[in-house]
Amino acid sequence: MFDSVSEVAQSRARTVGGRVFALVATMALGIAPAVAQDLKAVMTDVLKTHPRLAAARNDVGSAEAKVNDTWRRAWTPNFDLNAERGVQRYESLANDSALDYQRYGIRATQQLYDFGKTGHQVAETQAVLNQSKALASGAESGLLLEALSAHWSYVRADKLLGIARQSEESVRRQAKIESSMVELGKGYESNVLQAKVQLTSAESRTLRAEGALDIAQARVKAVFADATGKLDYKVLSVAKADMLPKSLDEAIAIALQNNQQIQVGTHRSQAIQERISSTDAKEFLPRFNLIAEKNGRKNTDGMSNERMFGDDKVYVQFLYNFNAGGAGQSAVEAVKRDFAASVSREVETKQLVEEQVSIAWRNYQVAVDNRKTLANLVRIAAKFYEMAVAERQMGRRSLLELLSAELSLISALGDLTSTEADAAIASLTLLQSVGRLDLNSFELKSVDAVLPKL
């Protein structure tokens, strides 16, 4: 227990003065300790095993198989095999006995030319494959943003909880000092009550911070699943400066080229455009096939034979099927309508992407500007606290005023910590919106190098 108010003030001045110096030095020098790479290793495992991405990769594999199926089914021979054996009774005036009946046939069909129908079908399946790849890329980018944001949110919540508990402990200690001074006849009951009000408020902030940490932890578990226990919370993901666009116009231009949502729409329209051509060829143009057949028969149609009779032939087949009621024209018109709808959706998607990029850019700019403002506020609050300590030593300020100055500093520090997280998440969101977020677009830095501390 301190023997006098002066000793209390001097002790607090030494302790908090050291804290303030450490804070200002960290913010001014930007010292970055050695950084571990554990987070990227964990993210690599998550991207390999997450069910969402496993489903997307299977979709890509299915689309690749359909490309091969379409090409091989059209440009490699198709075989039809049949064989029959049994008993046949053919009633006639000459013969009505049952005969041992046999028949077989082998037919190979090779398409020669179909006026581009198959080529457009293959191109359509290739466009669908590209669409699946864009969807998979978007799913990976989205999951990466979710995971990095969840990791950031947990570290932020943990830091804010530590600040809240520190604030609560400071207020509790001050309340005890005020109570002791009242017992010694040197204080005022109103100061004690005021300290208790501040203590209740600090306890409430701690409870909210604990709740926020539990929520952040639940989110981390939902995203990282079994990899949660491998996470390193001593490092944080920070977007590389050279990956971030320098202006909103540049961000929109990059997004129009790289954004996966736009790519999905573009490939969808390409697929439908190829379908128009293949449908037109199917409905209005003929096709040529090369056919080779080998057939055999024995004791068929009441003809008693001791041996198998063969029938071999090779020929070119011309096929031309069309509907007299104009169904083919309706089929083509339907696909053209699908294409027009897809193009309209492309326009809407581009508008939505531009909106997303604009919002992401604005959120990033606001967070960066707010970070600078709050960093300045922390410096001002730190300086004010130092002056309040000095004035308290001269008897010009009360202990509660000193406490208020300390709480202002801690509050500013908490706001700066939260804004640092907002800026980092906003930069990652901006990268995702322009289609640049992957494992190589961010780097890892120590928590102490990124977040301020007392």
Protein backbone atom coordinates (compact mmCIF):
# COMPACT_ATOMS: atom_id res chain seq x y z
CA MET A 1 0.00 0.00 0.00
CA PHE A 2 1.29 3.46 -0.89
CA ASP A 3 1.87 5.82 2.01
CA SER A 4 0.71 8.97 0.24
CA VAL A 5 -1.13 10.26 -2.79
CA SER A 6 2.16 11.66 -4.14
CA GLU A 7 3.78 8.21 -4.11
CA VAL A 8 0.78 6.76 -5.94
CA ALA A 9 1.00 9.43 -8.65
CA GLN A 10 4.75 9.05 -9.02
CA SER A 11 4.52 5.27 -9.30
CA ARG A 12 1.74 5.50 -11.89
CA ALA A 13 3.72 8.14 -13.81
CA ARG A 14 6.76 5.86 -14.04
CA THR A 15 4.70 2.82 -15.08
CA VAL A 16 2.43 4.49 -17.61
CA GLY A 17 5.18 6.77 -18.86
CA GLY A 18 7.14 3.66 -19.83
CA ARG A 19 4.06 2.22 -21.49
CA VAL A 20 3.47 5.41 -23.48
CA PHE A 21 7.10 5.51 -24.60
CA ALA A 22 6.92 1.90 -25.79
CA LEU A 23 3.68 2.65 -27.68
CA VAL A 24 5.03 5.74 -29.41
CA ALA A 25 8.34 4.04 -30.23
CA THR A 26 6.56 1.04 -31.77
CA MET A 27 4.29 3.26 -33.89
CA ALA A 28 7.09 5.58 -34.98
CA LEU A 29 9.80 3.05 -35.82
CA GLY A 30 7.61 0.26 -37.20
CA ILE A 31 9.97 -2.42 -35.85
CA ALA A 32 9.13 -5.84 -37.34
CA PRO A 33 10.41 -8.92 -35.51
CA ALA A 34 11.05 -12.19 -37.29
CA VAL A 35 7.89 -13.58 -38.86
CA ALA A 36 6.72 -17.19 -38.88
CA GLN A 37 5.12 -18.74 -41.95
CA ASP A 38 2.69 -21.08 -40.17
CA LEU A 39 -0.48 -19.29 -41.31
CA LYS A 40 0.24 -19.81 -45.01
CA ALA A 41 0.99 -23.47 -44.41
CA VAL A 42 -2.34 -23.88 -42.63
CA MET A 43 -4.16 -22.00 -45.37
CA THR A 44 -2.59 -24.29 -47.97
CA ASP A 45 -3.97 -27.32 -46.14
CA VAL A 46 -7.40 -25.72 -45.77
CA LEU A 47 -7.58 -24.92 -49.48
CA LYS A 48 -6.71 -28.54 -50.27
CA THR A 49 -9.25 -30.17 -47.96
CA HIS A 50 -12.20 -27.81 -47.54
CA PRO A 51 -15.49 -29.40 -48.74
CA ARG A 52 -16.49 -26.28 -50.68
CA LEU A 53 -13.35 -26.39 -52.79
CA ALA A 54 -13.50 -30.18 -53.10
CA ALA A 55 -16.95 -29.77 -54.65
CA ALA A 56 -15.67 -27.05 -56.99
CA ARG A 57 -12.74 -29.23 -58.11
CA ASN A 58 -15.13 -32.11 -58.80
CA ASP A 59 -17.24 -29.76 -60.93
CA VAL A 60 -14.13 -28.90 -62.93
CA GLY A 61 -13.27 -32.57 -63.31
CA SER A 62 -16.80 -33.30 -64.51
CA ALA A 63 -16.61 -30.51 -67.08
CA GLU A 64 -13.24 -31.81 -68.34
CA ALA A 65 -14.72 -35.29 -68.74
CA LYS A 66 -17.64 -33.86 -70.74
CA VAL A 67 -15.23 -32.13 -73.13
CA ASN A 68 -13.47 -35.45 -73.78
CA ASP A 69 -16.78 -37.29 -74.04
CA THR A 70 -18.18 -34.88 -76.64
CA TRP A 71 -15.06 -35.01 -78.82
CA ARG A 72 -14.52 -38.78 -78.62
CA ARG A 73 -18.17 -39.62 -79.18
CA ALA A 74 -18.16 -37.64 -82.44
CA TRP A 75 -14.69 -38.32 -83.91
CA THR A 76 -13.92 -41.88 -82.87
CA PRO A 77 -15.71 -44.96 -84.25
CA ASN A 78 -18.89 -46.23 -82.63
CA PHE A 79 -19.52 -49.98 -82.66
CA ASP A 80 -22.85 -51.78 -82.58
CA LEU A 81 -22.68 -55.51 -81.79
CA ASN A 82 -25.50 -58.01 -81.74
CA ALA A 83 -25.78 -61.77 -81.62
CA GLU A 84 -28.88 -64.00 -81.61
CA ARG A 85 -29.33 -67.76 -81.23
CA GLY A 86 -32.46 -69.82 -80.72
CA VAL A 87 -35.14 -71.90 -82.42
CA GLN A 88 -37.26 -70.61 -85.26
CA ARG A 89 -40.39 -72.19 -86.73
CA TYR A 90 -41.30 -70.74 -90.07
CA GLU A 91 -44.67 -72.10 -91.26
CA SER A 92 -45.01 -72.51 -95.01
CA LEU A 93 -46.36 -75.04 -97.49
CA ALA A 94 -42.87 -76.41 -98.04
CA ASN A 95 -41.46 -76.57 -94.53
CA ASP A 96 -42.91 -76.10 -91.04
CA SER A 97 -40.17 -77.69 -88.95
CA ALA A 98 -38.21 -75.94 -86.16
CA LEU A 99 -34.70 -74.92 -87.16
CA ASP A 100 -31.62 -73.96 -85.13
CA TYR A 101 -31.53 -70.19 -85.69
CA GLN A 102 -28.41 -67.98 -85.50
CA ARG A 103 -27.68 -64.36 -86.44
CA TYR A 104 -24.92 -61.86 -85.64
CA GLY A 105 -23.95 -58.35 -86.74
CA ILE A 106 -21.06 -55.96 -86.30
CA ARG A 107 -21.39 -52.32 -87.39
CA ALA A 108 -18.74 -49.58 -87.12
CA THR A 109 -19.76 -45.97 -87.74
CA GLN A 110 -17.26 -43.15 -88.18
CA GLN A 111 -18.55 -39.62 -88.62
CA LEU A 112 -16.91 -37.91 -91.58
CA TYR A 113 -18.42 -34.45 -91.62
CA ASP A 114 -21.31 -32.67 -89.89
CA PHE A 115 -20.84 -29.07 -91.07
CA GLY A 116 -19.37 -27.86 -87.75
CA LYS A 117 -21.99 -29.21 -85.35
CA THR A 118 -19.52 -31.27 -83.32
CA GLY A 119 -16.89 -28.55 -83.32
CA HIS A 120 -19.34 -26.10 -81.79
CA GLN A 121 -20.48 -28.70 -79.26
CA VAL A 122 -16.88 -29.26 -78.16
CA ALA A 123 -16.35 -25.49 -77.96
CA GLU A 124 -19.48 -25.23 -75.81
CA THR A 125 -18.26 -27.86 -73.37
CA GLN A 126 -14.86 -26.11 -73.27
CA ALA A 127 -16.58 -22.83 -72.38
CA VAL A 128 -18.50 -24.66 -69.64
CA LEU A 129 -15.17 -26.01 -68.39
CA ASN A 130 -13.74 -22.49 -68.26
CA GLN A 131 -16.85 -21.40 -66.40
CA SER A 132 -16.32 -24.18 -63.84
CA LYS A 133 -12.70 -23.13 -63.41
CA ALA A 134 -13.75 -19.52 -62.82
CA LEU A 135 -16.31 -20.70 -60.24
CA ALA A 136 -13.63 -22.79 -58.53
CA SER A 137 -11.21 -19.86 -58.53
CA GLY A 138 -13.91 -17.62 -57.07
CA ALA A 139 -14.71 -20.20 -54.40
CA GLU A 140 -11.04 -20.43 -53.45
CA SER A 141 -10.67 -16.66 -53.32
CA GLY A 142 -13.84 -16.31 -51.25
CA LEU A 143 -12.78 -19.00 -48.79
CA LEU A 144 -9.34 -17.44 -48.47
CA LEU A 145 -10.92 -14.07 -47.64
CA GLU A 146 -13.23 -15.70 -45.09
CA ALA A 147 -10.35 -17.52 -43.43
CA LEU A 148 -7.99 -14.54 -43.28
CA SER A 149 -10.79 -12.27 -42.04
CA ALA A 150 -11.73 -14.80 -39.36
CA HIS A 151 -8.10 -15.01 -38.25
CA TRP A 152 -7.83 -11.22 -38.13
CA SER A 153 -11.11 -10.93 -36.21
CA TYR A 154 -9.94 -13.40 -33.58
CA VAL A 155 -6.64 -11.58 -33.03
CA ARG A 156 -8.48 -8.25 -32.85
CA ALA A 157 -11.03 -9.60 -30.37
CA ASP A 158 -8.26 -11.07 -28.24
CA LYS A 159 -6.35 -7.78 -28.22
CA LEU A 160 -9.46 -5.76 -27.41
CA LEU A 161 -10.27 -8.13 -24.57
CA GLY A 162 -6.79 -7.61 -23.18
CA ILE A 163 -7.23 -3.83 -23.40
CA ALA A 164 -10.67 -4.04 -21.75
CA ARG A 165 -9.32 -6.13 -18.89
CA GLN A 166 -6.41 -3.75 -18.45
CA SER A 167 -8.83 -0.84 -18.32
CA GLU A 168 -11.04 -2.66 -15.82
CA GLU A 169 -8.09 -3.46 -13.60
CA SER A 170 -6.93 0.16 -13.69
CA VAL A 171 -10.37 1.44 -12.69
CA ARG A 172 -10.69 -1.18 -9.96
CA ARG A 173 -7.33 -0.22 -8.54
CA GLN A 174 -8.29 3.44 -8.62
CA ALA A 175 -11.60 2.72 -6.88
CA LYS A 176 -9.74 0.97 -4.07
CA ILE A 177 -7.38 3.92 -3.71
CA GLU A 178 -10.31 6.34 -3.52
CA SER A 179 -12.00 4.16 -0.91
CA SER A 180 -8.80 4.07 1.12
CA MET A 181 -8.48 7.84 0.94
CA VAL A 182 -12.06 8.27 2.15
CA GLU A 183 -11.34 5.97 5.09
CA LEU A 184 -8.32 8.11 5.92
CA GLY A 185 -10.46 11.23 5.74
CA LYS A 186 -8.63 12.60 2.71
CA GLY A 187 -11.12 11.82 -0.06
CA TYR A 188 -14.71 12.33 -1.10
CA GLU A 189 -17.55 9.86 -1.30
CA SER A 190 -18.57 11.34 -4.66
CA ASN A 191 -15.17 10.37 -6.09
CA VAL A 192 -15.71 6.81 -4.89
CA LEU A 193 -19.13 6.70 -6.52
CA GLN A 194 -17.71 8.11 -9.74
CA ALA A 195 -14.96 5.49 -9.69
CA LYS A 196 -17.58 2.76 -9.18
CA VAL A 197 -19.58 4.06 -12.15
CA GLN A 198 -16.47 3.87 -14.30
CA LEU A 199 -15.72 0.40 -12.94
CA THR A 200 -19.18 -0.85 -13.88
CA SER A 201 -18.75 0.57 -17.36
CA ALA A 202 -15.33 -1.08 -17.66
CA GLU A 203 -16.74 -4.42 -16.53
CA SER A 204 -19.45 -4.12 -19.18
CA ARG A 205 -16.85 -3.49 -21.86
CA THR A 206 -14.95 -6.57 -20.72
CA LEU A 207 -18.07 -8.72 -20.95
CA ARG A 208 -18.75 -7.46 -24.47
CA ALA A 209 -15.15 -8.13 -25.44
CA GLU A 210 -15.37 -11.69 -24.07
CA GLY A 211 -18.52 -12.27 -26.11
CA ALA A 212 -16.86 -10.90 -29.23
CA LEU A 213 -13.90 -13.24 -28.70
CA ASP A 214 -16.22 -16.26 -28.36
CA ILE A 215 -17.98 -15.29 -31.60
CA ALA A 216 -14.65 -14.83 -33.40
CA GLN A 217 -13.48 -18.19 -32.13
CA ALA A 218 -16.64 -19.89 -33.40
CA ARG A 219 -16.09 -18.32 -36.81
CA VAL A 220 -12.48 -19.54 -36.90
CA LYS A 221 -13.61 -23.07 -36.11
CA ALA A 222 -16.28 -22.93 -38.81
CA VAL A 223 -13.77 -21.92 -41.48
CA PHE A 224 -10.63 -23.80 -40.44
CA ALA A 225 -12.35 -26.92 -39.00
CA ASP A 226 -9.71 -29.49 -38.04
CA ALA A 227 -6.89 -27.06 -38.83
CA THR A 228 -7.98 -24.64 -36.09
CA GLY A 229 -5.50 -26.05 -33.58
CA LYS A 230 -2.61 -25.43 -35.98
CA LEU A 231 -3.18 -21.69 -36.25
CA ASP A 232 -0.50 -19.27 -35.15
CA TYR A 233 -2.01 -16.09 -33.71
CA LYS A 234 1.34 -14.35 -33.42
CA VAL A 235 1.36 -13.49 -37.13
CA LEU A 236 -1.14 -11.65 -39.29
CA SER A 237 -1.84 -11.49 -43.02
CA VAL A 238 -1.15 -8.14 -44.67
CA ALA A 239 -1.86 -7.40 -48.34
CA LYS A 240 1.27 -6.70 -50.38
CA ALA A 241 1.43 -3.04 -51.33
CA ASP A 242 2.33 -3.74 -54.96
CA MET A 243 -0.77 -5.93 -55.36
CA LEU A 244 -3.19 -3.19 -54.30
CA PRO A 245 -4.58 -0.88 -57.00
CA LYS A 246 -3.48 2.74 -56.80
CA SER A 247 -6.86 4.26 -57.66
CA LEU A 248 -10.52 3.38 -57.99
CA ASP A 249 -10.33 3.51 -61.79
CA GLU A 250 -7.41 1.11 -61.77
CA ALA A 251 -9.27 -1.18 -59.37
CA ILE A 252 -12.32 -1.30 -61.63
CA ALA A 253 -10.17 -1.93 -64.71
CA ILE A 254 -8.41 -4.83 -62.99
CA ALA A 255 -11.72 -6.25 -61.80
CA LEU A 256 -13.21 -6.19 -65.29
CA GLN A 257 -10.30 -8.37 -66.40
CA ASN A 258 -9.83 -10.66 -63.39
CA ASN A 259 -13.01 -10.80 -61.32
CA GLN A 260 -14.30 -14.38 -61.26
CA GLN A 261 -17.98 -13.36 -61.31
CA ILE A 262 -17.44 -11.54 -64.61
CA GLN A 263 -15.45 -14.45 -66.00
CA VAL A 264 -18.27 -16.86 -65.14
CA GLY A 265 -20.76 -14.71 -67.06
CA THR A 266 -18.42 -14.33 -70.04
CA HIS A 267 -17.84 -18.08 -70.34
CA ARG A 268 -21.56 -18.75 -69.92
CA SER A 269 -22.35 -16.48 -72.86
CA GLN A 270 -19.59 -18.11 -74.92
CA ALA A 271 -21.07 -21.54 -74.24
CA ILE A 272 -24.55 -20.44 -75.29
CA GLN A 273 -23.18 -18.75 -78.41
CA GLU A 274 -21.54 -22.03 -79.44
CA ARG A 275 -24.83 -23.80 -78.74
CA ILE A 276 -26.58 -21.51 -81.23
CA SER A 277 -24.22 -22.65 -83.99
CA SER A 278 -24.40 -26.34 -83.05
CA THR A 279 -28.21 -26.22 -82.85
CA ASP A 280 -28.41 -24.53 -86.24
CA ALA A 281 -26.17 -27.21 -87.78
CA LYS A 282 -28.13 -29.99 -86.09
CA GLU A 283 -31.51 -28.74 -87.29
CA PHE A 284 -30.72 -27.57 -90.83
CA LEU A 285 -27.57 -29.27 -92.10
CA PRO A 286 -26.85 -32.91 -93.04
CA ARG A 287 -24.04 -35.16 -91.92
CA PHE A 288 -21.92 -37.86 -93.56
CA ASN A 289 -20.86 -41.13 -91.95
CA LEU A 290 -18.57 -43.95 -93.03
CA ILE A 291 -20.09 -47.31 -92.10
CA ALA A 292 -18.63 -50.81 -92.20
CA GLU A 293 -20.85 -53.83 -91.49
CA LYS A 294 -20.33 -57.55 -91.13
CA ASN A 295 -23.40 -59.75 -90.70
CA GLY A 296 -23.98 -63.50 -90.54
CA ARG A 297 -27.07 -65.70 -90.47
CA LYS A 298 -28.04 -69.37 -90.40
CA ASN A 299 -31.46 -71.03 -90.74
CA THR A 300 -33.40 -67.78 -91.00
CA ASP A 301 -36.85 -67.27 -92.52
CA GLY A 302 -37.41 -71.00 -92.92
CA MET A 303 -34.32 -71.50 -95.09
CA SER A 304 -32.46 -74.56 -93.89
CA ASN A 305 -28.73 -74.04 -94.27
CA GLU A 306 -25.82 -76.08 -93.00
CA ARG A 307 -23.44 -73.15 -92.86
CA MET A 308 -23.40 -69.50 -91.82
CA PHE A 309 -24.06 -67.02 -94.64
CA GLY A 310 -22.17 -63.72 -94.45
CA ASP A 311 -23.03 -60.21 -95.59
CA ASP A 312 -20.17 -57.64 -95.55
CA LYS A 313 -20.35 -54.05 -96.80
CA VAL A 314 -18.70 -50.64 -96.51
CA TYR A 315 -20.50 -47.46 -97.53
CA VAL A 316 -20.86 -43.72 -97.00
CA GLN A 317 -24.11 -42.65 -95.38
CA PHE A 318 -25.87 -39.32 -95.96
CA LEU A 319 -28.30 -38.25 -93.23
CA TYR A 320 -30.57 -35.24 -93.30
CA ASN A 321 -33.35 -34.92 -90.73
CA PHE A 322 -35.61 -31.92 -90.36
CA ASN A 323 -39.02 -31.10 -88.95
CA ALA A 324 -41.60 -29.94 -91.48
CA GLY A 325 -43.37 -27.81 -88.89
CA GLY A 326 -40.37 -25.54 -88.29
CA ALA A 327 -39.40 -26.95 -84.91
CA GLY A 328 -35.73 -26.42 -85.78
CA GLN A 329 -36.23 -22.69 -86.16
CA SER A 330 -37.94 -22.58 -82.78
CA ALA A 331 -35.04 -24.49 -81.24
CA VAL A 332 -32.53 -21.98 -82.61
CA GLU A 333 -34.68 -19.05 -81.49
CA ALA A 334 -34.87 -20.48 -77.96
CA VAL A 335 -31.08 -20.67 -77.69
CA LYS A 336 -30.74 -17.13 -79.09
CA ARG A 337 -33.06 -15.94 -76.33
CA ASP A 338 -30.88 -17.72 -73.79
CA PHE A 339 -27.86 -15.91 -75.20
CA ALA A 340 -29.57 -12.52 -75.01
CA ALA A 341 -30.52 -13.21 -71.39
CA SER A 342 -26.94 -14.23 -70.58
CA VAL A 343 -25.55 -11.03 -72.12
CA SER A 344 -27.99 -8.97 -70.04
CA ARG A 345 -26.85 -10.82 -66.93
CA GLU A 346 -23.25 -10.05 -67.88
CA VAL A 347 -24.07 -6.34 -67.95
CA GLU A 348 -25.74 -6.56 -64.55
CA THR A 349 -22.83 -8.58 -63.13
CA LYS A 350 -20.34 -5.95 -64.29
CA GLN A 351 -22.42 -3.25 -62.63
CA LEU A 352 -22.56 -5.24 -59.39
CA VAL A 353 -18.81 -5.91 -59.51
CA GLU A 354 -18.10 -2.22 -60.07
CA GLU A 355 -20.28 -1.49 -57.04
CA GLN A 356 -18.45 -4.09 -54.95
CA VAL A 357 -15.07 -2.72 -55.99
CA SER A 358 -16.16 0.85 -55.28
CA ILE A 359 -17.41 -0.12 -51.82
CA ALA A 360 -14.26 -2.14 -51.10
CA TRP A 361 -12.07 0.74 -52.27
CA ARG A 362 -13.99 3.24 -50.16
CA ASN A 363 -13.90 1.01 -47.07
CA TYR A 364 -10.16 0.61 -47.54
CA GLN A 365 -9.59 4.34 -47.93
CA VAL A 366 -11.76 5.15 -44.91
CA ALA A 367 -9.92 2.58 -42.79
CA VAL A 368 -6.51 3.90 -43.87
CA ASP A 369 -7.49 7.52 -43.20
CA ASN A 370 -9.11 6.58 -39.91
CA ARG A 371 -5.97 4.69 -38.92
CA LYS A 372 -3.89 7.82 -39.41
CA THR A 373 -6.40 9.91 -37.43
CA LEU A 374 -6.55 7.44 -34.56
CA ALA A 375 -2.77 7.04 -34.49
CA ASN A 376 -2.55 10.80 -34.02
CA LEU A 377 -5.28 10.61 -31.37
CA VAL A 378 -3.27 7.99 -29.45
CA ARG A 379 -0.22 10.23 -29.52
CA ILE A 380 -2.27 13.18 -28.27
CA ALA A 381 -3.92 11.06 -25.56
CA ALA A 382 -0.52 9.73 -24.52
CA LYS A 383 0.91 13.24 -24.31
CA PHE A 384 -2.12 14.46 -22.38
CA TYR A 385 -1.73 11.62 -19.92
CA GLU A 386 1.93 12.43 -19.36
CA MET A 387 1.01 16.05 -18.69
CA ALA A 388 -1.83 14.97 -16.38
CA VAL A 389 0.63 12.86 -14.38
CA ALA A 390 2.99 15.80 -14.07
CA GLU A 391 0.17 18.14 -13.06
CA ARG A 392 -1.06 15.62 -10.51
CA GLN A 393 2.36 15.64 -8.91
CA MET A 394 1.97 19.38 -8.54
CA GLY A 395 -1.49 18.90 -7.01
CA ARG A 396 -3.35 20.51 -9.91
CA ARG A 397 -5.36 17.40 -10.88
CA SER A 398 -7.27 14.78 -8.95
CA LEU A 399 -6.66 11.05 -9.17
CA LEU A 400 -9.98 10.64 -11.00
CA GLU A 401 -8.84 13.12 -13.61
CA LEU A 402 -5.67 11.11 -13.97
CA LEU A 403 -7.75 7.97 -14.34
CA SER A 404 -9.93 9.64 -16.96
CA ALA A 405 -6.83 10.56 -18.95
CA GLU A 406 -5.58 6.97 -18.77
CA LEU A 407 -8.97 5.59 -19.86
CA SER A 408 -9.01 7.99 -22.79
CA LEU A 409 -5.61 6.70 -23.85
CA ILE A 410 -6.70 3.06 -23.52
CA SER A 411 -9.93 3.75 -25.41
CA ALA A 412 -8.01 5.42 -28.24
CA LEU A 413 -5.64 2.50 -28.30
CA GLY A 414 -8.57 0.07 -28.59
CA ASP A 415 -10.07 2.08 -31.44
CA LEU A 416 -6.72 2.13 -33.24
CA THR A 417 -6.35 -1.63 -32.81
CA SER A 418 -9.81 -2.23 -34.24
CA THR A 419 -9.16 0.13 -37.14
CA GLU A 420 -5.86 -1.59 -37.95
CA ALA A 421 -7.85 -4.81 -38.32
CA ASP A 422 -10.49 -3.01 -40.41
CA ALA A 423 -7.81 -1.65 -42.73
CA ALA A 424 -6.18 -5.06 -43.15
CA ILE A 425 -9.48 -6.84 -43.83
CA ALA A 426 -10.55 -4.05 -46.19
CA SER A 427 -7.33 -4.40 -48.19
CA LEU A 428 -7.82 -8.17 -48.47
CA THR A 429 -11.45 -7.61 -49.48
CA LEU A 430 -10.29 -5.17 -52.15
CA LEU A 431 -7.88 -7.75 -53.53
CA GLN A 432 -10.66 -10.33 -53.62
CA SER A 433 -13.08 -7.98 -55.37
CA VAL A 434 -10.59 -7.28 -58.17
CA GLY A 435 -9.72 -10.98 -58.52
CA ARG A 436 -6.17 -10.84 -57.13
CA LEU A 437 -6.47 -12.56 -53.75
CA ASP A 438 -4.41 -15.75 -53.48
CA LEU A 439 -1.65 -17.16 -51.27
CA ASN A 440 0.95 -14.99 -53.02
CA SER A 441 -0.89 -11.67 -52.72
CA PHE A 442 -0.31 -11.20 -48.98
CA GLU A 443 2.58 -11.47 -46.57
CA LEU A 444 2.82 -12.37 -42.90
CA LYS A 445 3.91 -9.94 -40.21
CA SER A 446 4.24 -10.18 -36.49
CA VAL A 447 1.26 -9.03 -34.44
CA ASP A 448 3.54 -6.63 -32.57
CA ALA A 449 4.65 -5.10 -35.88
CA VAL A 450 1.07 -4.49 -37.02
CA LEU A 451 -1.02 -3.75 -33.92
CA PRO A 452 -0.12 -1.06 -31.38
CA LYS A 453 0.36 -2.02 -27.76
CA LEU A 454 1.01 -0.46 -24.38
